[in-house]
PDB file of N, CA and C in Angstrom:
ATOM      1  N   MET A   1      10.159  -4.618 -14.303  1.00  0.00           N
ATOM      2  CA  MET A   1      10.494  -4.814 -12.993  1.00  0.00           C
ATOM      3  C   MET A   1      10.497  -6.246 -12.611  1.00  0.00           C
ATOM      4  N   GLY A   2      11.213  -6.420 -11.584  1.00  0.00           N
ATOM      5  CA  GLY A   2      11.290  -7.693 -10.926  1.00  0.00           C
ATOM      6  C   GLY A   2      11.647  -7.841  -9.659  1.00  0.00           C
ATOM      7  N   GLU A   3      11.773  -9.110  -9.188  1.00  0.00           N
ATOM      8  CA  GLU A   3      12.105  -9.389  -7.833  1.00  0.00           C
ATOM      9  C   GLU A   3      13.661 -10.136  -7.782  1.00  0.00           C
ATOM     10  N   PRO A   4      14.490  -9.696  -6.957  1.00  0.00           N
ATOM     11  CA  PRO A   4      15.748 -10.509  -6.905  1.00  0.00           C
ATOM     12  C   PRO A   4      15.754 -11.810  -6.617  1.00  0.00           C
ATOM     13  N   LEU A   5      16.436 -12.621  -7.423  1.00  0.00           N
ATOM     14  CA  LEU A   5      16.523 -14.061  -7.240  1.00  0.00           C
ATOM     15  C   LEU A   5      17.795 -14.479  -6.441  1.00  0.00           C
ATOM     16  N   THR A   6      18.827 -13.682  -6.723  1.00  0.00           N
ATOM     17  CA  THR A   6      20.135 -13.880  -6.073  1.00  0.00           C
ATOM     18  C   THR A   6      20.498 -12.730  -5.303  1.00  0.00           C
ATOM     19  N   ALA A   7      21.696 -13.039  -4.360  1.00  0.00           N
ATOM     20  CA  ALA A   7      22.222 -11.931  -3.612  1.00  0.00           C
ATOM     21  C   ALA A   7      23.246 -11.197  -4.641  1.00  0.00           C
ATOM     22  N   PRO A   8      23.357  -9.900  -4.726  1.00  0.00           N
ATOM     23  CA  PRO A   8      24.207  -9.142  -5.610  1.00  0.00           C
ATOM     24  C   PRO A   8      25.864  -9.653  -5.320  1.00  0.00           C
ATOM     25  N   THR A   9      26.405  -9.953  -6.568  1.00  0.00           N
ATOM     26  CA  THR A   9      27.860 -10.221  -6.539  1.00  0.00           C
ATOM     27  C   THR A   9      28.588  -9.109  -6.951  1.00  0.00           C
ATOM     28  N   GLN A  10      29.821  -8.930  -6.117  1.00  0.00           N
ATOM     29  CA  GLN A  10      30.661  -7.764  -6.651  1.00  0.00           C
ATOM     30  C   GLN A  10      31.992  -8.325  -7.064  1.00  0.00           C
ATOM     31  N   LYS A  11      32.482  -7.467  -7.999  1.00  0.00           N
ATOM     32  CA  LYS A  11      33.849  -7.801  -8.675  1.00  0.00           C
ATOM     33  C   LYS A  11      34.776  -6.610  -8.619  1.00  0.00           C
ATOM     34  N   LEU A  12      35.871  -6.577  -8.208  1.00  0.00           N
ATOM     35  CA  LEU A  12      36.670  -5.400  -8.159  1.00  0.00           C
ATOM     36  C   LEU A  12      37.718  -5.516  -9.449  1.00  0.00           C
ATOM     37  N   GLU A  13      37.710  -4.725 -10.316  1.00  0.00           N
ATOM     38  CA  GLU A  13      38.732  -4.813 -11.316  1.00  0.00           C
ATOM     39  C   GLU A  13      38.943  -3.305 -11.991  1.00  0.00           C
ATOM     40  N   ASP A  14      40.297  -2.954 -11.931  1.00  0.00           N
ATOM     41  CA  ASP A  14      40.745  -1.804 -12.457  1.00  0.00           C
ATOM     42  C   ASP A  14      40.304  -0.536 -11.782  1.00  0.00           C
ATOM     43  N   GLY A  15      40.087  -0.724 -10.640  1.00  0.00           N
ATOM     44  CA  GLY A  15      39.403   0.420  -9.690  1.00  0.00           C
ATOM     45  C   GLY A  15      37.920   0.630  -9.870  1.00  0.00           C
ATOM     46  N   GLU A  16      37.257  -0.273 -10.503  1.00  0.00           N
ATOM     47  CA  GLU A  16      35.933  -0.142 -10.538  1.00  0.00           C
ATOM     48  C   GLU A  16      35.188  -1.520  -9.940  1.00  0.00           C
ATOM     49  N   ILE A  17      34.051  -1.275  -9.370  1.00  0.00           N
ATOM     50  CA  ILE A  17      33.320  -2.402  -8.736  1.00  0.00           C
ATOM     51  C   ILE A  17      32.205  -2.476  -9.699  1.00  0.00           C
ATOM     52  N   THR A  18      31.937  -3.817 -10.029  1.00  0.00           N
ATOM     53  CA  THR A  18      30.867  -4.157 -10.975  1.00  0.00           C
ATOM     54  C   THR A  18      29.947  -5.167  -9.980  1.00  0.00           C
ATOM     55  N   GLU A  19      28.741  -4.722  -9.953  1.00  0.00           N
ATOM     56  CA  GLU A  19      27.928  -5.317  -9.158  1.00  0.00           C
ATOM     57  C   GLU A  19      26.696  -5.958  -9.974  1.00  0.00           C
ATOM     58  N   THR A  20      26.554  -7.332  -9.989  1.00  0.00           N
ATOM     59  CA  THR A  20      25.574  -7.850 -10.762  1.00  0.00           C
ATOM     60  C   THR A  20      24.548  -8.799  -9.980  1.00  0.00           C
ATOM     61  N   GLN A  21      23.261  -8.721 -10.286  1.00  0.00           N
ATOM     62  CA  GLN A  21      22.231  -9.390  -9.628  1.00  0.00           C
ATOM     63  C   GLN A  21      21.124  -9.995 -10.480  1.00  0.00           C
ATOM     64  N   GLU A  22      20.717 -11.054 -10.337  1.00  0.00           N
ATOM     65  CA  GLU A  22      19.595 -11.693 -11.130  1.00  0.00           C
ATOM     66  C   GLU A  22      18.365 -11.557 -10.630  1.00  0.00           C
ATOM     67  N   TYR A  23      17.474 -11.090 -11.546  1.00  0.00           N
ATOM     68  CA  TYR A  23      15.948 -10.816 -11.176  1.00  0.00           C
ATOM     69  C   TYR A  23      15.125 -11.817 -12.082  1.00  0.00           C
ATOM     70  N   LEU A  24      13.774 -11.975 -11.352  1.00  0.00           N
ATOM     71  CA  LEU A  24      12.765 -12.642 -12.285  1.00  0.00           C
ATOM     72  C   LEU A  24      11.812 -11.649 -12.564  1.00  0.00           C
ATOM     73  N   PRO A  25      11.300 -11.561 -13.608  1.00  0.00           N
ATOM     74  CA  PRO A  25      10.353 -10.220 -14.035  1.00  0.00           C
ATOM     75  C   PRO A  25       8.994 -10.652 -13.281  1.00  0.00           C
ATOM     76  N   ASN A  26       8.135  -9.639 -12.765  1.00  0.00           N
ATOM     77  CA  ASN A  26       6.850  -9.702 -12.239  1.00  0.00           C
ATOM     78  C   ASN A  26       5.856  -8.610 -13.036  1.00  0.00           C
ATOM     79  N   ARG A  27       6.407  -7.970 -13.786  1.00  0.00           N
ATOM     80  CA  ARG A  27       5.345  -7.044 -14.463  1.00  0.00           C
ATOM     81  C   ARG A  27       6.212  -6.354 -15.761  1.00  0.00           C
ATOM     82  N   PHE A  28       5.410  -5.929 -16.666  1.00  0.00           N
ATOM     83  CA  PHE A  28       5.855  -5.362 -17.899  1.00  0.00           C
ATOM     84  C   PHE A  28       4.967  -4.268 -18.212  1.00  0.00           C
ATOM     85  N   GLU A  29       5.473  -3.099 -18.733  1.00  0.00           N
ATOM     86  CA  GLU A  29       4.668  -2.054 -19.110  1.00  0.00           C
ATOM     87  C   GLU A  29       5.433  -1.450 -20.476  1.00  0.00           C
ATOM     88  N   CYS A  30       4.757  -1.328 -21.451  1.00  0.00           N
ATOM     89  CA  CYS A  30       5.098  -0.730 -22.787  1.00  0.00           C
ATOM     90  C   CYS A  30       4.679   0.799 -22.579  1.00  0.00           C
ATOM     91  N   ILE A  31       5.613   1.676 -22.732  1.00  0.00           N
ATOM     92  CA  ILE A  31       5.312   3.229 -22.568  1.00  0.00           C
ATOM     93  C   ILE A  31       4.826   3.679 -24.082  1.00  0.00           C
ATOM     94  N   ALA A  32       5.287   2.891 -25.018  1.00  0.00           N
ATOM     95  CA  ALA A  32       4.541   3.377 -26.337  1.00  0.00           C
ATOM     96  C   ALA A  32       3.086   3.137 -26.488  1.00  0.00           C
ATOM     97  N   CYS A  33       2.625   2.141 -26.115  1.00  0.00           N
ATOM     98  CA  CYS A  33       1.347   1.636 -26.552  1.00  0.00           C
ATOM     99  C   CYS A  33       0.518   1.505 -25.262  1.00  0.00           C
ATOM    100  N   GLY A  34       1.213   1.533 -24.074  1.00  0.00           N
ATOM    101  CA  GLY A  34       0.404   1.513 -22.774  1.00  0.00           C
ATOM    102  C   GLY A  34      -0.107   0.029 -22.327  1.00  0.00           C
ATOM    103  N   LEU A  35       0.547  -1.053 -23.100  1.00  0.00           N
ATOM    104  CA  LEU A  35       0.316  -2.339 -22.717  1.00  0.00           C
ATOM    105  C   LEU A  35       0.835  -2.666 -21.264  1.00  0.00           C
ATOM    106  N   LYS A  36       0.231  -3.393 -20.444  1.00  0.00           N
ATOM    107  CA  LYS A  36       0.586  -3.755 -19.135  1.00  0.00           C
ATOM    108  C   LYS A  36       0.457  -5.151 -18.795  1.00  0.00           C
ATOM    109  N   ILE A  37       1.531  -5.833 -18.429  1.00  0.00           N
ATOM    110  CA  ILE A  37       1.380  -7.218 -18.064  1.00  0.00           C
ATOM    111  C   ILE A  37       1.694  -7.498 -16.665  1.00  0.00           C
ATOM    112  N   ASN A  38       0.870  -7.884 -15.817  1.00  0.00           N
ATOM    113  CA  ASN A  38       1.263  -8.031 -14.256  1.00  0.00           C
ATOM    114  C   ASN A  38       1.165  -9.412 -13.917  1.00  0.00           C
ATOM    115  N   SER A  39       2.236 -10.056 -13.301  1.00  0.00           N
ATOM    116  CA  SER A  39       2.227 -11.431 -12.777  1.00  0.00           C
ATOM    117  C   SER A  39       3.245 -12.184 -13.645  1.00  0.00           C
ATOM    118  N   PHE A  40       4.081 -13.021 -13.026  1.00  0.00           N
ATOM    119  CA  PHE A  40       5.114 -13.725 -13.776  1.00  0.00           C
ATOM    120  C   PHE A  40       4.346 -14.816 -14.579  1.00  0.00           C
ATOM    121  N   SER A  41       3.411 -15.355 -14.192  1.00  0.00           N
ATOM    122  CA  SER A  41       2.598 -16.367 -15.028  1.00  0.00           C
ATOM    123  C   SER A  41       2.169 -15.874 -16.334  1.00  0.00           C
ATOM    124  N   ARG A  42       1.785 -14.630 -16.396  1.00  0.00           N
ATOM    125  CA  ARG A  42       1.253 -13.999 -17.780  1.00  0.00           C
ATOM    126  C   ARG A  42       2.489 -13.689 -18.468  1.00  0.00           C
ATOM    127  N   LEU A  43       3.517 -13.119 -17.849  1.00  0.00           N
ATOM    128  CA  LEU A  43       4.691 -12.917 -18.697  1.00  0.00           C
ATOM    129  C   LEU A  43       5.405 -14.002 -19.331  1.00  0.00           C
ATOM    130  N   ALA A  44       5.371 -15.270 -18.402  1.00  0.00           N
ATOM    131  CA  ALA A  44       5.840 -16.641 -18.947  1.00  0.00           C
ATOM    132  C   ALA A  44       5.179 -16.996 -20.103  1.00  0.00           C
ATOM    133  N   ALA A  45       3.686 -16.866 -20.214  1.00  0.00           N
ATOM    134  CA  ALA A  45       2.967 -17.334 -21.287  1.00  0.00           C
ATOM    135  C   ALA A  45       3.023 -16.651 -22.459  1.00  0.00           C
ATOM    136  N   VAL A  46       3.557 -15.252 -22.385  1.00  0.00           N
ATOM    137  CA  VAL A  46       3.810 -14.557 -23.664  1.00  0.00           C
ATOM    138  C   VAL A  46       5.276 -14.660 -23.999  1.00  0.00           C
ATOM    139  N   GLY A  47       6.191 -15.369 -23.399  1.00  0.00           N
ATOM    140  CA  GLY A  47       7.443 -15.487 -23.704  1.00  0.00           C
ATOM    141  C   GLY A  47       8.251 -14.360 -22.929  1.00  0.00           C
ATOM    142  N   LEU A  48       7.975 -13.544 -22.165  1.00  0.00           N
ATOM    143  CA  LEU A  48       8.686 -12.568 -21.399  1.00  0.00           C
ATOM    144  C   LEU A  48       9.040 -12.938 -19.891  1.00  0.00           C
ATOM    145  N   GLY A  49       9.181 -14.271 -19.664  1.00  0.00           N
ATOM    146  CA  GLY A  49       9.384 -14.658 -18.104  1.00  0.00           C
ATOM    147  C   GLY A  49      10.801 -15.158 -17.851  1.00  0.00           C
ATOM    148  N   GLU A  50      11.805 -14.695 -18.843  1.00  0.00           N
ATOM    149  CA  GLU A  50      13.159 -15.190 -18.565  1.00  0.00           C
ATOM    150  C   GLU A  50      13.638 -14.319 -17.366  1.00  0.00           C
ATOM    151  N   ARG A  51      14.684 -15.050 -16.728  1.00  0.00           N
ATOM    152  CA  ARG A  51      15.501 -14.186 -15.873  1.00  0.00           C
ATOM    153  C   ARG A  51      16.384 -13.138 -16.537  1.00  0.00           C
ATOM    154  N   TYR A  52      16.727 -12.196 -15.844  1.00  0.00           N
ATOM    155  CA  TYR A  52      17.523 -11.128 -16.456  1.00  0.00           C
ATOM    156  C   TYR A  52      18.590 -10.628 -15.418  1.00  0.00           C
ATOM    157  N   LYS A  53      19.628 -10.041 -15.899  1.00  0.00           N
ATOM    158  CA  LYS A  53      20.608  -9.646 -14.877  1.00  0.00           C
ATOM    159  C   LYS A  53      20.778  -8.042 -14.939  1.00  0.00           C
ATOM    160  N   LYS A  54      20.894  -7.424 -13.784  1.00  0.00           N
ATOM    161  CA  LYS A  54      21.027  -5.915 -13.547  1.00  0.00           C
ATOM    162  C   LYS A  54      22.450  -5.729 -13.253  1.00  0.00           C
ATOM    163  N   THR A  55      23.291  -4.892 -14.019  1.00  0.00           N
ATOM    164  CA  THR A  55      24.652  -4.699 -13.559  1.00  0.00           C
ATOM    165  C   THR A  55      24.778  -3.098 -13.381  1.00  0.00           C
ATOM    166  N   GLN A  56      25.421  -2.837 -12.346  1.00  0.00           N
ATOM    167  CA  GLN A  56      25.824  -1.462 -12.106  1.00  0.00           C
ATOM    168  C   GLN A  56      27.487  -1.399 -11.746  1.00  0.00           C
ATOM    169  N   VAL A  57      28.117  -0.402 -12.384  1.00  0.00           N
ATOM    170  CA  VAL A  57      29.432   0.010 -12.217  1.00  0.00           C
ATOM    171  C   VAL A  57      29.702   1.102 -11.326  1.00  0.00           C
ATOM    172  N   TYR A  58      30.398   1.020 -10.335  1.00  0.00           N
ATOM    173  CA  TYR A  58      31.066   2.042  -9.393  1.00  0.00           C
ATOM    174  C   TYR A  58      32.449   2.252  -9.416  1.00  0.00           C
ATOM    175  N   ASP A  59      32.764   3.474  -9.164  1.00  0.00           N
ATOM    176  CA  ASP A  59      34.046   3.853  -8.984  1.00  0.00           C
ATOM    177  C   ASP A  59      34.517   3.303  -7.454  1.00  0.00           C
ATOM    178  N   ALA A  60      35.487   2.607  -7.133  1.00  0.00           N
ATOM    179  CA  ALA A  60      35.880   1.789  -5.965  1.00  0.00           C
ATOM    180  C   ALA A  60      36.198   2.924  -4.957  1.00  0.00           C
ATOM    181  N   ALA A  61      36.815   3.999  -5.108  1.00  0.00           N
ATOM    182  CA  ALA A  61      37.047   4.928  -4.241  1.00  0.00           C
ATOM    183  C   ALA A  61      35.868   5.788  -3.737  1.00  0.00           C
ATOM    184  N   GLU A  62      34.822   5.954  -4.510  1.00  0.00           N
ATOM    185  CA  GLU A  62      33.547   6.626  -4.122  1.00  0.00           C
ATOM    186  C   GLU A  62      32.711   5.715  -3.550  1.00  0.00           C
ATOM    187  N   TYR A  63      32.715   4.318  -3.839  1.00  0.00           N
ATOM    188  CA  TYR A  63      31.985   3.259  -3.135  1.00  0.00           C
ATOM    189  C   TYR A  63      32.364   3.169  -1.728  1.00  0.00           C
ATOM    190  N   TYR A  64      33.549   3.179  -1.461  1.00  0.00           N
ATOM    191  CA  TYR A  64      34.069   2.935  -0.124  1.00  0.00           C
ATOM    192  C   TYR A  64      34.332   4.000   0.587  1.00  0.00           C
ATOM    193  N   ALA A  65      34.704   5.160   0.202  1.00  0.00           N
ATOM    194  CA  ALA A  65      35.026   6.339   0.785  1.00  0.00           C
ATOM    195  C   ALA A  65      33.849   7.187   1.214  1.00  0.00           C
ATOM    196  N   PRO A  66      33.539   7.547   2.442  1.00  0.00           N
ATOM    197  CA  PRO A  66      32.384   8.399   2.683  1.00  0.00           C
ATOM    198  C   PRO A  66      32.438   9.823   2.077  1.00  0.00           C
ATOM    199  N   GLN A  67      31.446  10.335   1.655  1.00  0.00           N
ATOM    200  CA  GLN A  67      31.366  11.603   0.954  1.00  0.00           C
ATOM    201  C   GLN A  67      31.669  12.760   2.211  1.00  0.00           C
ATOM    202  N   ASP A  68      32.490  13.724   1.790  1.00  0.00           N
ATOM    203  CA  ASP A  68      32.765  14.678   2.631  1.00  0.00           C
ATOM    204  C   ASP A  68      31.866  15.800   2.547  1.00  0.00           C
ATOM    205  N   ASN A  69      31.077  15.916   3.537  1.00  0.00           N
ATOM    206  CA  ASN A  69      29.995  17.094   3.313  1.00  0.00           C
ATOM    207  C   ASN A  69      30.510  18.216   3.953  1.00  0.00           C
ATOM    208  N   TYR A  70      31.663  18.682   4.200  1.00  0.00           N
ATOM    209  CA  TYR A  70      32.193  19.753   4.645  1.00  0.00           C
ATOM    210  C   TYR A  70      33.510  20.201   3.693  1.00  0.00           C
ATOM    211  N   GLU A  71      33.364  19.854   2.462  1.00  0.00           N
ATOM    212  CA  GLU A  71      34.191  20.184   1.517  1.00  0.00           C
ATOM    213  C   GLU A  71      34.504  21.623   1.386  1.00  0.00           C
ATOM    214  N   GLY A  72      35.694  22.043   1.398  1.00  0.00           N
ATOM    215  CA  GLY A  72      35.973  23.572   1.170  1.00  0.00           C
ATOM    216  C   GLY A  72      36.247  24.325   2.648  1.00  0.00           C
ATOM    217  N   TYR A  73      35.927  23.486   3.774  1.00  0.00           N
ATOM    218  CA  TYR A  73      36.002  24.172   4.975  1.00  0.00           C
ATOM    219  C   TYR A  73      37.554  23.573   5.579  1.00  0.00           C
ATOM    220  N   GLU A  74      38.111  24.462   6.317  1.00  0.00           N
ATOM    221  CA  GLU A  74      39.355  24.053   6.895  1.00  0.00           C
ATOM    222  C   GLU A  74      38.896  23.412   8.322  1.00  0.00           C
ATOM    223  N   ASP A  75      40.009  22.624   8.885  1.00  0.00           N
ATOM    224  CA  ASP A  75      39.797  22.077  10.257  1.00  0.00           C
ATOM    225  C   ASP A  75      39.508  23.402  11.260  1.00  0.00           C
ATOM    226  N   ASP A  76      38.670  23.244  12.344  1.00  0.00           N
ATOM    227  CA  ASP A  76      38.507  24.287  13.251  1.00  0.00           C
ATOM    228  C   ASP A  76      39.436  23.925  14.374  1.00  0.00           C
ATOM    229  N   ASN A  77      40.611  24.218  14.317  1.00  0.00           N
ATOM    230  CA  ASN A  77      41.840  23.946  15.181  1.00  0.00           C
ATOM    231  C   ASN A  77      42.450  25.264  15.951  1.00  0.00           C
ATOM    232  N   ASN A  78      41.991  25.424  17.014  1.00  0.00           N
ATOM    233  CA  ASN A  78      42.460  26.950  17.497  1.00  0.00           C
ATOM    234  C   ASN A  78      43.791  26.611  18.514  1.00  0.00           C
ATOM    235  N   GLU A  79      44.296  25.452  18.579  1.00  0.00           N
ATOM    236  CA  GLU A  79      45.451  25.181  19.275  1.00  0.00           C
ATOM    237  C   GLU A  79      46.745  25.704  18.560  1.00  0.00           C
ATOM    238  N   ARG A  80      47.645  26.212  19.372  1.00  0.00           N
ATOM    239  CA  ARG A  80      48.868  26.724  18.834  1.00  0.00           C
ATOM    240  C   ARG A  80      50.163  25.841  19.097  1.00  0.00           C
TER     241      ARG A  80
END
């Protein structure tokens, strides 16, 4: 887990949006052995304090187009 250091940057390429953001770690937990390290200073002391990037990829059409909650329904237009 970590706290964001930079604002997310977005890049549009081939119909996909790639969003990247840098983080600074503030805790570590090993699910195998149960080791927990809380605080950046302790993580830095054991060599786990490096910045990291989180990248997410979205389909551009799904990202910008609102989801249709009424899929499958026809317009209710009674005019002739």
